[in-house]
Amino acid sequence: MKIQLISIYAIGLTAITAQLVSPAAKPNTKSTASNTLAGLSDSQSEAINAQRIKALRSRRVQHDFSDESPEDRQIRRQRAQAIKDGFVYAWNGYSEYAYGADEIDVLRKIPKTTRNGWGATIVDALDTLWVMGLHDEFAKARDFVTKIDFHKDAGQLAKVFETNIRYVGGFLSAYELSDDELFLGKAVELTELLLKAFDTPLGLPWQMLNITSGQGSSETPGTSSTNLAEIGTFQMEFFRLSQLTANSTYHEIAQNVITVMLEKNTAGAPDSNYRIPGLYPINFDMLSGTFTSSSAYWGGGGDSFYEYLAKTWILSDFMIERNIEMWSESIEAFRSHAVAESTKGYLFPGFVDGTKFFPYTDTFTNFIPGTLGLISKIVGSETYFSLALDLMEAGYSVFDEMPTNLGAEAIKFVRKNVPSDSDTIRTLAAKIEIDEYGFSLERPYYLLRPELIESLFYMYRLTGDSIYADRAWHIWQGIQRNCRVDAGYVGTANVSVDASVTGKLNSVDSTESFFFAETFLYLYLIFADHDVISLDDWVFTTEAHPLSRKISFDGQF
């Protein structure tokens, strides 16, 4: 018997394993999980697809840079050093005024406790320190980690999603890079505490957790509301923990979230807010397991859910079939319903409420080109890689149009041949921006976020085209002009106003740990030697923590 695994990527996969293809079958996203591995296909499907999985494992996706000229290599390495120097400058400011704190208030030069006081900036940046070869700083950070007491929570509730991606992911990556058991032990210790958040009727996690009492709650007091990203962004870290500890519990808990979500929500059902198959609404009730609105979005509130569908499939050595089936259905729905061409000819993601499209997008959607490009290269889909390139151009245009070289947190655009969109542009300032840029600045600030730089990293490593590296350098120059202050870097309040013109900074005091963990790491990796964290050897979590692809998986922990 021959079957075709998935819908959208069938053409690409056919190129690798033509012998496995037959008439298309609809993905069975509601398949029952096996007792051993939630989310895996049944034994028959595993056997049928063995050759395809073998072919996927052998596929190389990173560009061969062996023809790089000596001149280009010299420029690239000079830029890498400049990025590293910027990181060291910021790290020295943090070390002097806030070492051990979750964040630094750079403008006031004081520590900030925002993530339970466990040193979020240090843990989140462990892999950046390692990759940049900052050995003394890494050793000092390791010493700090030995003293972290997770039972002391600074009187704050832990945000479970953020604690997982910043702390657990940071520990796991540090362990895989350094082979130091301390970090694995800390990852296990903290995850065991976080599991209390999943102790709910359906096994779905609370947003917030009192680490001391084990009591969970929603971020909105008195409710059980959460969002798609915050229930679905545990898969990578929990899967890898199960691998490293030979304990399937972590993986099963993370996959149960997906199982319950699928069982409790039927696309198109009369009483369901889930309208379009594959476009999952972002608002969710964790006690009932149902979507509480019909608003679907690949930006804030939804982004990393989709990202983890695809990347957990990679991390599992391509064994977790359900993940790629769901991703395939979702990206097809995304292409059909959740993107639109602007009057300037750019293809932007948007917000979908039910079946109605709204031309609004935030900077979080800029992760899509990189992740989509990676998956499309793995499965050999030229169609979807082309979509990734189009989205990359749109995302970069938001930065490139600005005199600061930096992009706004959120924009609204006008669709081509949809004149009614102009009716929603209500202020004169917004109308002027639409005429000049093709979009209005709904949230005009830049908070050192990494998503656009992340996708530039992927596109550079996947294609070898130096235009993506040059664009990243262009953004770095904008950060230097508009965000660098005494003792570090901060956000800028309005990306349409450049400090080199006004002669003064318009700062927003925001320097989250992701600036050290993601923004700096992706910038550095664009210009570092290409074998440093190769895409053929590593896969990144949503917090840019690289996890090894060299840990094989045969379906059993």
Protein backbone atom coordinates (compact mmCIF):
# COMPACT_ATOMS: atom_id res chain seq x y z
CA MET A 1 0.00 0.00 0.00
CA LYS A 2 1.24 3.49 -0.83
CA ILE A 3 -0.03 6.68 0.73
CA GLN A 4 0.64 10.37 0.54
CA LEU A 5 1.46 11.87 3.93
CA ILE A 6 0.27 15.43 3.72
CA SER A 7 -1.68 17.83 1.56
CA ILE A 8 0.21 20.96 0.72
CA TYR A 9 3.74 19.73 0.78
CA ALA A 10 2.93 16.66 -1.34
CA ILE A 11 4.56 18.15 -4.43
CA GLY A 12 7.76 18.90 -2.59
CA LEU A 13 7.89 15.58 -0.79
CA THR A 14 7.21 13.77 -4.05
CA ALA A 15 10.51 15.11 -5.32
CA ILE A 16 12.31 13.36 -2.48
CA THR A 17 10.29 10.16 -2.18
CA ALA A 18 8.23 9.69 -5.29
CA GLN A 19 7.80 6.01 -4.56
CA LEU A 20 5.65 6.85 -1.54
CA VAL A 21 3.10 9.01 -3.33
CA SER A 22 -0.44 8.03 -4.20
CA PRO A 23 -3.71 10.01 -4.52
CA ALA A 24 -3.86 12.65 -1.81
CA ALA A 25 -5.35 11.78 1.53
CA LYS A 26 -6.80 14.33 3.93
CA PRO A 27 -4.63 14.75 7.03
CA ASN A 28 -6.13 13.00 10.03
CA THR A 29 -5.35 15.70 12.59
CA LYS A 30 -7.64 14.04 15.10
CA SER A 31 -5.85 10.71 15.10
CA THR A 32 -5.65 9.11 18.52
CA ALA A 33 -2.27 9.36 20.17
CA SER A 34 -0.44 6.16 20.96
CA ASN A 35 0.14 5.27 24.59
CA THR A 36 3.88 5.67 24.15
CA LEU A 37 4.02 8.82 22.04
CA ALA A 38 1.24 11.34 21.83
CA GLY A 39 1.07 12.87 18.36
CA LEU A 40 2.88 10.09 16.48
CA SER A 41 1.30 8.27 13.56
CA ASP A 42 0.23 4.65 14.03
CA SER A 43 2.67 1.82 13.39
CA GLN A 44 1.36 1.14 9.89
CA SER A 45 1.89 4.71 8.79
CA GLU A 46 5.34 4.76 10.37
CA ALA A 47 6.34 1.71 8.35
CA ILE A 48 4.92 3.08 5.12
CA ASN A 49 6.68 6.39 5.55
CA ALA A 50 10.05 4.98 6.68
CA GLN A 51 11.73 5.77 3.36
CA ARG A 52 10.36 9.30 3.28
CA ILE A 53 11.60 9.97 6.82
CA LYS A 54 15.03 8.65 5.88
CA ALA A 55 15.11 11.00 2.90
CA LEU A 56 14.08 13.98 5.02
CA ARG A 57 16.82 13.23 7.54
CA SER A 58 19.46 13.27 4.82
CA ARG A 59 18.33 16.50 3.19
CA ARG A 60 20.68 19.47 3.59
CA VAL A 61 19.05 22.88 3.60
CA GLN A 62 21.80 25.37 4.43
CA HIS A 63 23.44 27.02 1.43
CA ASP A 64 26.95 25.95 0.46
CA PHE A 65 29.07 29.04 1.11
CA SER A 66 32.34 27.49 -0.10
CA ASP A 67 32.61 29.98 -2.97
CA GLU A 68 32.67 33.03 -0.68
CA SER A 69 35.41 35.43 -1.77
CA PRO A 70 38.19 36.47 0.64
CA GLU A 71 36.95 40.06 0.42
CA ASP A 72 33.39 39.10 1.36
CA ARG A 73 34.66 36.90 4.18
CA GLN A 74 36.68 39.77 5.60
CA ILE A 75 33.71 42.15 5.55
CA ARG A 76 31.44 39.54 7.10
CA ARG A 77 33.85 38.83 9.94
CA GLN A 78 34.35 42.53 10.61
CA ARG A 79 30.61 42.90 10.94
CA ALA A 80 30.42 39.88 13.25
CA GLN A 81 32.99 41.51 15.49
CA ALA A 82 31.01 44.76 15.50
CA ILE A 83 27.89 42.90 16.61
CA LYS A 84 29.87 41.10 19.30
CA ASP A 85 31.30 44.42 20.48
CA GLY A 86 27.76 45.77 20.76
CA PHE A 87 26.71 42.77 22.80
CA VAL A 88 29.69 43.15 25.14
CA TYR A 89 28.87 46.84 25.58
CA ALA A 90 25.30 46.00 26.60
CA TRP A 91 26.40 43.05 28.75
CA ASN A 92 28.91 45.20 30.60
CA GLY A 93 26.15 47.69 31.41
CA TYR A 94 23.93 44.91 32.70
CA SER A 95 26.82 43.41 34.67
CA GLU A 96 27.70 46.71 36.31
CA TYR A 97 24.22 47.85 37.28
CA ALA A 98 21.94 44.80 37.36
CA TYR A 99 23.84 41.52 37.30
CA GLY A 100 21.62 38.69 38.52
CA ALA A 101 18.42 40.66 37.95
CA ASP A 102 15.87 39.67 35.34
CA GLU A 103 16.44 42.87 33.38
CA ILE A 104 18.21 46.18 33.54
CA ASP A 105 16.47 49.54 33.51
CA VAL A 106 19.15 51.02 31.30
CA LEU A 107 18.13 54.65 31.50
CA ARG A 108 18.03 54.69 35.29
CA LYS A 109 20.83 52.11 35.63
CA ILE A 110 18.97 49.96 38.13
CA PRO A 111 17.88 46.29 38.19
CA LYS A 112 14.33 45.19 37.32
CA THR A 113 12.53 42.11 38.62
CA THR A 114 10.11 40.95 35.92
CA ARG A 115 10.55 37.14 35.72
CA ASN A 116 10.54 35.98 39.36
CA GLY A 117 14.05 37.20 40.09
CA TRP A 118 15.84 34.16 38.69
CA GLY A 119 18.09 36.16 36.39
CA ALA A 120 16.16 35.94 33.13
CA THR A 121 18.73 37.94 31.16
CA ILE A 122 21.54 35.61 32.26
CA VAL A 123 19.71 32.35 31.59
CA ASP A 124 18.20 33.59 28.31
CA ALA A 125 21.65 34.67 27.08
CA LEU A 126 23.66 31.59 28.08
CA ASP A 127 23.79 30.30 24.52
CA THR A 128 24.68 33.73 23.12
CA LEU A 129 27.63 33.93 25.52
CA TRP A 130 28.74 30.45 24.45
CA VAL A 131 28.36 31.01 20.71
CA MET A 132 30.21 34.34 20.85
CA GLY A 133 33.08 32.66 22.70
CA LEU A 134 32.73 34.83 25.80
CA HIS A 135 34.13 32.14 28.07
CA ASP A 136 34.74 34.20 31.19
CA GLU A 137 31.25 35.67 31.06
CA PHE A 138 29.77 32.21 30.50
CA ALA A 139 31.68 30.81 33.50
CA LYS A 140 30.39 33.65 35.68
CA ALA A 141 26.85 33.00 34.43
CA ARG A 142 27.21 29.30 35.23
CA ASP A 143 28.22 30.18 38.75
CA PHE A 144 25.11 32.33 39.05
CA VAL A 145 22.91 29.46 37.82
CA THR A 146 24.18 27.19 40.60
CA LYS A 147 22.67 29.61 43.12
CA ILE A 148 19.19 29.99 41.58
CA ASP A 149 16.46 28.93 44.02
CA PHE A 150 13.19 28.47 42.14
CA HIS A 151 11.23 28.36 45.38
CA LYS A 152 12.01 32.04 45.87
CA ASP A 153 9.79 33.79 43.34
CA ALA A 154 10.21 37.47 44.31
CA GLY A 155 6.54 37.57 45.22
CA GLN A 156 5.55 37.31 41.57
CA LEU A 157 3.39 34.84 39.71
CA ALA A 158 5.31 32.99 37.04
CA LYS A 159 4.03 33.39 33.51
CA VAL A 160 4.21 29.76 32.45
CA PHE A 161 4.74 30.32 28.73
CA GLU A 162 7.52 32.87 29.25
CA THR A 163 9.18 30.80 31.95
CA ASN A 164 9.32 27.85 29.60
CA ILE A 165 10.74 29.64 26.56
CA ARG A 166 13.21 31.88 28.41
CA TYR A 167 14.38 29.73 31.32
CA VAL A 168 13.76 26.09 30.38
CA GLY A 169 14.78 26.70 26.76
CA GLY A 170 17.84 28.63 27.90
CA PHE A 171 18.97 25.82 30.20
CA LEU A 172 18.43 23.15 27.54
CA SER A 173 20.41 24.99 24.91
CA ALA A 174 23.23 25.73 27.33
CA TYR A 175 23.36 22.03 28.20
CA GLU A 176 23.51 20.90 24.58
CA LEU A 177 26.19 23.44 23.69
CA SER A 178 28.39 22.90 26.76
CA ASP A 179 27.51 19.32 27.79
CA ASP A 180 27.31 20.60 31.37
CA GLU A 181 24.83 18.53 33.40
CA LEU A 182 24.11 21.48 35.69
CA PHE A 183 21.93 23.09 33.04
CA LEU A 184 19.94 19.94 32.32
CA GLY A 185 19.33 19.52 36.03
CA LYS A 186 18.02 23.08 36.29
CA ALA A 187 15.75 22.55 33.28
CA VAL A 188 14.24 19.45 34.87
CA GLU A 189 13.89 21.10 38.29
CA LEU A 190 12.03 24.10 36.91
CA THR A 191 9.85 22.09 34.54
CA GLU A 192 8.71 19.85 37.38
CA LEU A 193 7.45 22.99 39.13
CA LEU A 194 5.75 24.24 35.97
CA LEU A 195 3.87 20.98 35.54
CA LYS A 196 1.56 22.12 38.35
CA ALA A 197 0.07 24.57 35.85
CA PHE A 198 -1.14 21.58 33.80
CA ASP A 199 -2.90 20.01 36.77
CA THR A 200 -6.32 21.02 35.43
CA PRO A 201 -9.43 19.09 34.37
CA LEU A 202 -8.30 18.81 30.73
CA GLY A 203 -4.57 19.05 31.30
CA LEU A 204 -4.43 22.51 29.71
CA PRO A 205 -2.06 24.99 31.34
CA TRP A 206 -2.95 28.06 33.35
CA GLN A 207 -1.26 31.22 32.13
CA MET A 208 0.10 32.13 35.55
CA LEU A 209 1.44 29.99 38.37
CA ASN A 210 2.23 30.62 42.00
CA ILE A 211 5.41 28.58 42.20
CA THR A 212 5.26 28.33 45.99
CA SER A 213 1.65 27.13 46.34
CA GLY A 214 1.22 25.50 42.93
CA GLN A 215 -1.97 27.51 42.36
CA GLY A 216 -2.70 28.42 38.75
CA SER A 217 -4.67 31.36 37.39
CA SER A 218 -5.40 33.34 34.28
CA GLU A 219 -3.63 36.60 33.58
CA THR A 220 -7.13 38.10 33.55
CA PRO A 221 -8.28 37.66 37.17
CA GLY A 222 -11.42 35.63 37.72
CA THR A 223 -11.38 34.00 34.29
CA SER A 224 -9.92 30.90 32.66
CA SER A 225 -8.89 32.72 29.49
CA THR A 226 -5.61 32.19 27.68
CA ASN A 227 -4.40 32.28 24.10
CA LEU A 228 -3.24 29.91 21.40
CA ALA A 229 0.47 30.65 21.74
CA GLU A 230 0.45 30.25 25.50
CA ILE A 231 -1.06 26.75 25.40
CA GLY A 232 0.86 25.51 22.38
CA THR A 233 4.44 26.64 22.95
CA PHE A 234 5.75 23.84 25.13
CA GLN A 235 6.25 21.14 22.52
CA MET A 236 9.90 21.69 21.63
CA GLU A 237 11.29 22.08 25.13
CA PHE A 238 9.15 19.27 26.57
CA PHE A 239 9.97 16.89 23.70
CA ARG A 240 13.68 17.45 24.16
CA LEU A 241 13.37 17.03 27.93
CA SER A 242 11.69 13.67 27.35
CA GLN A 243 14.54 12.65 25.08
CA LEU A 244 17.27 13.72 27.49
CA THR A 245 15.64 12.17 30.56
CA ALA A 246 14.02 9.11 28.94
CA ASN A 247 10.78 10.28 30.54
CA SER A 248 7.90 10.57 28.07
CA THR A 249 5.71 12.49 30.54
CA TYR A 250 6.87 15.93 29.43
CA HIS A 251 6.18 15.24 25.76
CA GLU A 252 2.82 13.64 26.48
CA ILE A 253 1.71 16.66 28.52
CA ALA A 254 2.62 19.07 25.74
CA GLN A 255 0.98 16.96 23.04
CA ASN A 256 -2.15 16.47 25.11
CA VAL A 257 -2.80 20.20 24.69
CA ILE A 258 -3.04 19.71 20.93
CA THR A 259 -5.17 16.58 21.27
CA VAL A 260 -7.69 18.31 23.53
CA MET A 261 -7.81 21.40 21.31
CA LEU A 262 -8.63 19.28 18.26
CA GLU A 263 -11.20 17.13 20.09
CA LYS A 264 -13.06 20.09 21.60
CA ASN A 265 -13.25 22.26 18.48
CA THR A 266 -14.66 21.34 15.08
CA ALA A 267 -14.06 23.70 12.17
CA GLY A 268 -17.30 25.03 10.73
CA ALA A 269 -19.58 23.49 13.36
CA PRO A 270 -22.63 25.71 14.12
CA ASP A 271 -21.64 26.24 17.74
CA SER A 272 -17.90 26.61 17.11
CA ASN A 273 -15.79 29.76 16.89
CA TYR A 274 -13.33 27.75 14.80
CA ARG A 275 -14.39 28.74 11.28
CA ILE A 276 -11.59 27.99 8.81
CA PRO A 277 -9.76 24.63 9.07
CA GLY A 278 -6.15 25.30 10.04
CA LEU A 279 -6.68 28.91 11.15
CA TYR A 280 -7.01 28.46 14.88
CA PRO A 281 -8.55 31.37 16.84
CA ILE A 282 -6.21 33.01 19.32
CA ASN A 283 -8.62 33.37 22.27
CA PHE A 284 -9.06 30.20 24.28
CA ASP A 285 -10.68 28.95 27.48
CA MET A 286 -8.46 26.42 29.22
CA LEU A 287 -11.19 24.91 31.38
CA SER A 288 -13.62 24.14 28.56
CA GLY A 289 -10.92 23.60 25.93
CA THR A 290 -12.80 25.74 23.41
CA PHE A 291 -12.04 28.86 21.40
CA THR A 292 -13.84 31.90 22.79
CA SER A 293 -13.72 34.06 19.68
CA SER A 294 -13.36 33.57 15.94
CA SER A 295 -10.31 35.84 15.63
CA ALA A 296 -7.38 34.00 14.03
CA TYR A 297 -3.94 35.53 13.70
CA TRP A 298 -0.36 34.41 13.07
CA GLY A 299 1.03 37.38 15.02
CA GLY A 300 0.95 38.07 18.75
CA GLY A 301 -1.18 35.49 20.55
CA GLY A 302 -0.84 32.85 17.84
CA ASP A 303 2.67 33.02 16.38
CA SER A 304 4.71 30.44 18.27
CA PHE A 305 1.88 27.88 18.22
CA TYR A 306 2.32 27.54 14.47
CA GLU A 307 6.09 27.80 14.73
CA TYR A 308 6.19 24.86 17.16
CA LEU A 309 4.01 22.67 14.96
CA ALA A 310 6.71 22.80 12.31
CA LYS A 311 9.84 22.87 14.43
CA THR A 312 8.82 20.08 16.80
CA TRP A 313 8.40 17.93 13.70
CA ILE A 314 12.02 18.71 12.79
CA LEU A 315 13.23 18.15 16.36
CA SER A 316 11.48 14.77 16.48
CA ASP A 317 13.58 13.59 13.54
CA PHE A 318 10.44 14.00 11.40
CA MET A 319 8.57 11.37 13.41
CA ILE A 320 5.66 13.39 14.82
CA GLU A 321 3.39 13.23 11.80
CA ARG A 322 0.46 15.09 13.29
CA ASN A 323 2.49 18.26 13.69
CA ILE A 324 3.44 18.55 10.04
CA GLU A 325 -0.08 17.62 8.96
CA MET A 326 -1.48 20.45 11.08
CA TRP A 327 1.18 22.87 9.86
CA SER A 328 0.40 21.96 6.25
CA GLU A 329 -3.31 22.57 6.71
CA SER A 330 -2.58 25.82 8.53
CA ILE A 331 -0.16 27.25 6.00
CA GLU A 332 -2.58 26.46 3.17
CA ALA A 333 -5.35 28.26 5.06
CA PHE A 334 -2.95 31.11 5.80
CA ARG A 335 -2.10 31.53 2.12
CA SER A 336 -5.77 31.37 1.10
CA HIS A 337 -7.32 33.56 3.79
CA ALA A 338 -4.76 35.46 5.88
CA VAL A 339 -2.53 37.40 3.45
CA ALA A 340 -3.31 40.25 1.08
CA GLU A 341 -1.46 42.47 -1.37
CA SER A 342 -1.05 46.11 -0.37
CA THR A 343 -1.39 49.10 -2.67
CA LYS A 344 2.43 49.14 -2.81
CA GLY A 345 2.48 45.56 -4.08
CA TYR A 346 3.67 43.85 -0.88
CA LEU A 347 2.08 40.68 0.45
CA PHE A 348 1.28 41.21 4.14
CA PRO A 349 -0.25 38.86 6.73
CA GLY A 350 -3.44 40.09 8.33
CA PHE A 351 -6.00 39.44 11.01
CA VAL A 352 -8.94 37.14 10.24
CA ASP A 353 -12.16 37.35 12.27
CA GLY A 354 -14.36 34.47 11.22
CA THR A 355 -13.87 34.76 7.48
CA LYS A 356 -13.34 38.53 7.32
CA PHE A 357 -9.84 39.86 6.67
CA PHE A 358 -8.46 42.94 8.43
CA PRO A 359 -5.32 44.59 6.97
CA TYR A 360 -3.45 44.86 10.25
CA THR A 361 -0.17 43.19 11.12
CA ASP A 362 2.36 43.37 13.95
CA THR A 363 6.08 42.70 14.05
CA PHE A 364 5.55 39.21 15.50
CA THR A 365 4.36 37.99 12.08
CA ASN A 366 7.91 38.55 10.82
CA PHE A 367 8.85 35.11 12.12
CA ILE A 368 6.80 33.56 9.29
CA PRO A 369 9.22 34.02 6.34
CA GLY A 370 12.07 32.30 8.19
CA THR A 371 10.12 29.35 9.54
CA LEU A 372 8.17 28.88 6.32
CA GLY A 373 11.36 29.14 4.29
CA LEU A 374 13.06 26.49 6.44
CA ILE A 375 10.19 24.00 6.20
CA SER A 376 9.75 24.63 2.48
CA LYS A 377 13.41 23.89 1.86
CA ILE A 378 13.22 20.69 3.90
CA VAL A 379 10.24 19.34 1.96
CA GLY A 380 11.26 20.84 -1.37
CA SER A 381 8.27 23.13 -1.95
CA GLU A 382 9.18 25.93 -4.34
CA THR A 383 5.65 27.33 -4.15
CA TYR A 384 5.80 27.90 -0.43
CA PHE A 385 9.39 29.08 -0.48
CA SER A 386 8.25 31.71 -2.96
CA LEU A 387 5.53 32.73 -0.49
CA ALA A 388 8.19 33.01 2.22
CA LEU A 389 10.26 35.30 -0.03
CA ASP A 390 7.23 37.52 -0.69
CA LEU A 391 6.50 37.81 3.03
CA MET A 392 10.16 38.59 3.67
CA GLU A 393 10.01 41.52 1.25
CA ALA A 394 6.86 42.87 2.89
CA GLY A 395 8.25 42.59 6.40
CA TYR A 396 11.51 44.26 5.46
CA SER A 397 9.69 47.10 3.68
CA VAL A 398 8.27 48.22 7.04
CA PHE A 399 11.84 48.71 8.28
CA ASP A 400 13.29 50.00 5.02
CA GLU A 401 10.70 52.76 4.59
CA MET A 402 11.68 54.30 7.92
CA PRO A 403 14.56 56.80 8.28
CA THR A 404 15.64 54.89 11.41
CA ASN A 405 15.97 51.58 9.48
CA LEU A 406 13.68 50.17 12.20
CA GLY A 407 10.15 48.81 11.94
CA ALA A 408 7.06 49.73 13.92
CA GLU A 409 5.52 47.33 16.41
CA ALA A 410 2.30 47.25 14.34
CA ILE A 411 0.99 48.72 11.09
CA LYS A 412 -2.25 48.98 9.15
CA PHE A 413 -2.15 48.77 5.36
CA VAL A 414 -4.60 49.32 2.52
CA ARG A 415 -5.26 46.39 0.23
CA LYS A 416 -4.89 46.66 -3.51
CA ASN A 417 -8.30 47.10 -5.17
CA VAL A 418 -10.10 47.35 -1.81
CA PRO A 419 -10.86 51.08 -1.55
CA SER A 420 -13.06 50.57 1.51
CA ASP A 421 -9.88 49.94 3.54
CA SER A 422 -9.17 53.67 3.28
CA ASP A 423 -12.32 54.35 5.26
CA THR A 424 -10.71 52.78 8.34
CA ILE A 425 -7.80 55.24 8.23
CA ARG A 426 -9.26 57.94 10.44
CA THR A 427 -6.52 60.45 11.29
CA LEU A 428 -4.79 62.86 8.96
CA ALA A 429 -1.39 61.64 10.15
CA ALA A 430 -2.30 58.05 9.29
CA LYS A 431 -3.56 59.08 5.84
CA ILE A 432 -0.26 60.86 5.18
CA GLU A 433 1.66 57.74 6.26
CA ILE A 434 -0.44 55.55 3.97
CA ASP A 435 0.34 57.82 1.04
CA GLU A 436 4.05 57.94 1.82
CA TYR A 437 4.80 54.41 3.03
CA GLY A 438 1.83 52.30 1.99
CA PHE A 439 0.95 51.68 5.64
CA SER A 440 0.18 53.63 8.81
CA LEU A 441 2.12 53.27 12.06
CA GLU A 442 -0.44 51.91 14.51
CA ARG A 443 2.21 51.33 17.17
CA PRO A 444 5.17 53.43 16.03
CA TYR A 445 7.76 52.22 18.52
CA TYR A 446 10.55 49.65 18.17
CA LEU A 447 11.42 47.62 21.26
CA LEU A 448 14.58 45.80 20.09
CA ARG A 449 12.51 42.85 18.85
CA PRO A 450 14.21 40.09 16.81
CA GLU A 451 11.57 38.62 14.47
CA LEU A 452 12.52 40.42 11.25
CA ILE A 453 16.23 39.86 11.91
CA GLU A 454 15.44 36.20 12.61
CA SER A 455 13.90 35.74 9.18
CA LEU A 456 16.79 37.59 7.52
CA PHE A 457 19.10 35.07 9.20
CA TYR A 458 17.12 32.15 7.80
CA MET A 459 16.94 33.59 4.30
CA TYR A 460 20.66 34.32 4.25
CA ARG A 461 21.59 30.85 5.46
CA LEU A 462 19.06 29.16 3.13
CA THR A 463 19.83 31.09 -0.07
CA GLY A 464 23.34 32.45 0.36
CA ASP A 465 22.12 35.78 -1.00
CA SER A 466 24.11 38.56 0.67
CA ILE A 467 21.20 41.00 0.30
CA TYR A 468 19.72 39.53 3.48
CA ALA A 469 22.96 40.02 5.41
CA ASP A 470 23.23 43.59 4.10
CA ARG A 471 19.68 44.27 5.27
CA ALA A 472 20.50 42.97 8.74
CA TRP A 473 23.52 45.26 8.84
CA HIS A 474 21.29 48.16 7.78
CA ILE A 475 19.00 47.43 10.76
CA TRP A 476 21.98 47.15 13.11
CA GLN A 477 23.12 50.61 12.04
CA GLY A 478 19.64 51.89 12.87
CA ILE A 479 19.84 50.29 16.32
CA GLN A 480 23.22 51.91 16.87
CA ARG A 481 21.93 55.37 15.94
CA ASN A 482 18.58 55.25 17.73
CA CYS A 483 18.82 52.75 20.58
CA ARG A 484 22.34 52.90 21.99
CA VAL A 485 22.62 54.89 25.21
CA ASP A 486 24.97 54.99 28.15
CA ALA A 487 25.18 51.46 29.66
CA GLY A 488 23.27 49.64 26.92
CA TYR A 489 20.41 49.76 24.45
CA VAL A 490 16.74 50.73 24.76
CA GLY A 491 13.72 50.98 22.48
CA THR A 492 12.85 54.01 20.39
CA ALA A 493 9.45 55.68 20.59
CA ASN A 494 8.89 56.55 16.94
CA VAL A 495 10.61 54.78 14.06
CA SER A 496 9.76 57.60 11.66
CA VAL A 497 12.07 60.00 13.50
CA ASP A 498 15.81 59.35 13.28
CA ALA A 499 18.17 60.56 15.99
CA SER A 500 20.79 61.58 13.44
CA VAL A 501 18.36 64.20 12.15
CA THR A 502 16.89 65.45 15.42
CA GLY A 503 20.12 65.24 17.37
CA LYS A 504 18.42 63.51 20.30
CA LEU A 505 17.11 60.09 21.23
CA ASN A 506 13.42 59.44 21.87
CA SER A 507 13.89 56.43 24.09
CA VAL A 508 11.55 53.81 25.48
CA ASP A 509 13.03 52.17 28.54
CA SER A 510 12.69 48.57 27.42
CA THR A 511 15.56 46.07 27.33
CA GLU A 512 14.02 42.62 27.70
CA SER A 513 16.09 39.47 27.94
CA PHE A 514 15.20 38.54 24.36
CA PHE A 515 17.44 41.37 23.15
CA PHE A 516 20.46 39.43 24.45
CA ALA A 517 19.03 35.99 23.65
CA GLU A 518 17.52 36.56 20.20
CA THR A 519 18.26 39.90 18.58
CA PHE A 520 21.99 39.79 19.26
CA LEU A 521 22.29 36.06 18.54
CA TYR A 522 20.60 36.22 15.14
CA LEU A 523 22.57 39.33 14.18
CA TYR A 524 25.81 37.65 15.16
CA LEU A 525 25.02 34.38 13.39
CA ILE A 526 24.30 36.18 10.13
CA PHE A 527 27.92 37.37 10.08
CA ALA A 528 29.66 34.56 11.95
CA ASP A 529 31.29 31.70 10.06
CA HIS A 530 28.56 29.71 8.38
CA ASP A 531 29.25 26.45 10.19
CA VAL A 532 28.45 28.11 13.52
CA ILE A 533 25.00 26.74 14.46
CA SER A 534 24.30 25.39 10.96
CA LEU A 535 20.64 24.94 10.04
CA ASP A 536 21.50 21.36 9.12
CA ASP A 537 22.59 20.64 12.68
CA TRP A 538 20.38 22.81 14.90
CA VAL A 539 16.79 24.01 15.16
CA PHE A 540 15.86 27.15 17.08
CA THR A 541 13.12 27.52 19.66
CA THR A 542 10.90 30.59 19.57
CA GLU A 543 13.36 32.27 21.97
CA ALA A 544 16.28 31.51 19.59
CA HIS A 545 17.66 28.72 21.77
CA PRO A 546 19.38 26.24 19.41
CA LEU A 547 18.62 22.57 20.03
CA SER A 548 20.59 19.86 18.31
CA ARG A 549 19.17 17.97 15.34
CA LYS A 550 21.80 15.28 15.86
CA ILE A 551 19.93 13.52 18.67
CA SER A 552 18.22 10.73 16.77
CA PHE A 553 14.72 9.55 17.57
CA ASP A 554 13.10 6.26 16.66
CA GLY A 555 9.71 6.83 18.22
CA GLN A 556 10.60 5.72 21.74
CA PHE A 557 12.02 7.66 24.68
